[in-house]
């Protein structure tokens, strides 16, 4: 069988945790921080796990992610 290709955009943006959840950077922090609340900026630090519905979209694009 030929090897399957991983989607390059997913390779750069997502990691799969040991339990199989998909980890991604927080959205909404590229620009416009002046209008965001301090609470939003504080809560949006680091990474987050995607919802189940979003995981189902991403996982087929990363066939070798464990």
Protein backbone atom coordinates (compact mmCIF):
# COMPACT_ATOMS: atom_id res chain seq x y z
CA UNK A 1 0.00 0.00 0.00
CA UNK A 2 1.22 3.52 -0.69
CA UNK A 3 1.82 5.90 2.16
CA UNK A 4 -0.94 8.34 3.05
CA UNK A 5 -0.18 12.03 3.01
CA UNK A 6 -0.67 14.26 6.02
CA UNK A 7 -2.26 17.64 5.31
CA UNK A 8 0.55 20.18 5.72
CA UNK A 9 -1.73 22.81 7.25
CA UNK A 10 -2.77 20.35 9.98
CA UNK A 11 0.79 19.25 10.59
CA UNK A 12 1.70 22.85 11.43
CA UNK A 13 -1.34 23.71 13.55
CA UNK A 14 -2.38 20.64 15.56
CA UNK A 15 -0.96 17.97 17.85
CA UNK A 16 -2.71 14.85 19.12
CA UNK A 17 -2.59 14.17 22.85
CA UNK A 18 -1.96 10.76 24.43
CA UNK A 19 -5.70 10.27 24.90
CA UNK A 20 -6.34 11.09 21.24
CA UNK A 21 -7.77 14.58 21.64
CA UNK A 22 -6.60 17.29 19.23
CA UNK A 23 -4.66 20.19 20.75
CA UNK A 24 -4.62 23.60 19.03
CA UNK A 25 -3.64 27.19 19.71
CA UNK A 26 -6.27 29.56 21.03
CA UNK A 27 -8.22 31.49 18.41
CA UNK A 28 -8.83 35.22 18.34
CA UNK A 29 -5.45 36.54 19.46
CA UNK A 30 -3.83 37.75 16.22
CA UNK A 31 -4.89 41.39 16.32
CA UNK A 32 -7.38 43.75 17.97
CA UNK A 33 -6.14 43.05 21.49
CA UNK A 34 -6.93 46.62 22.54
CA UNK A 35 -10.66 45.94 22.38
CA UNK A 36 -10.48 42.55 24.13
CA UNK A 37 -11.03 42.33 27.85
CA UNK A 38 -8.15 41.43 30.14
CA UNK A 39 -10.09 38.33 31.17
CA UNK A 40 -10.32 37.16 27.54
CA UNK A 41 -6.59 37.67 26.96
CA UNK A 42 -5.74 35.85 30.18
CA UNK A 43 -8.05 32.92 29.43
CA UNK A 44 -6.80 32.61 25.85
CA UNK A 45 -3.17 31.91 26.76
CA UNK A 46 -1.55 28.68 25.68
CA UNK A 47 -3.46 25.92 23.90
CA UNK A 48 -6.87 24.29 24.05
CA UNK A 49 -8.43 21.01 22.94
CA UNK A 50 -10.85 20.99 20.05
CA UNK A 51 -14.46 19.92 20.34
CA UNK A 52 -15.49 16.44 19.21
CA UNK A 53 -17.09 17.84 16.05
CA UNK A 54 -13.91 19.68 15.08
CA UNK A 55 -11.79 16.63 15.86
CA UNK A 56 -13.75 14.58 13.33
CA UNK A 57 -12.78 17.10 10.65
CA UNK A 58 -9.07 17.21 11.57
CA UNK A 59 -8.26 13.56 12.31
CA UNK A 60 -8.72 12.22 8.74
CA UNK A 61 -6.22 14.82 7.57
CA UNK A 62 -3.58 13.40 9.96
CA UNK A 63 -3.56 9.65 9.27
CA UNK A 64 -0.40 8.89 11.25
CA UNK A 65 -1.13 10.96 14.36
CA UNK A 66 -1.27 8.75 17.42
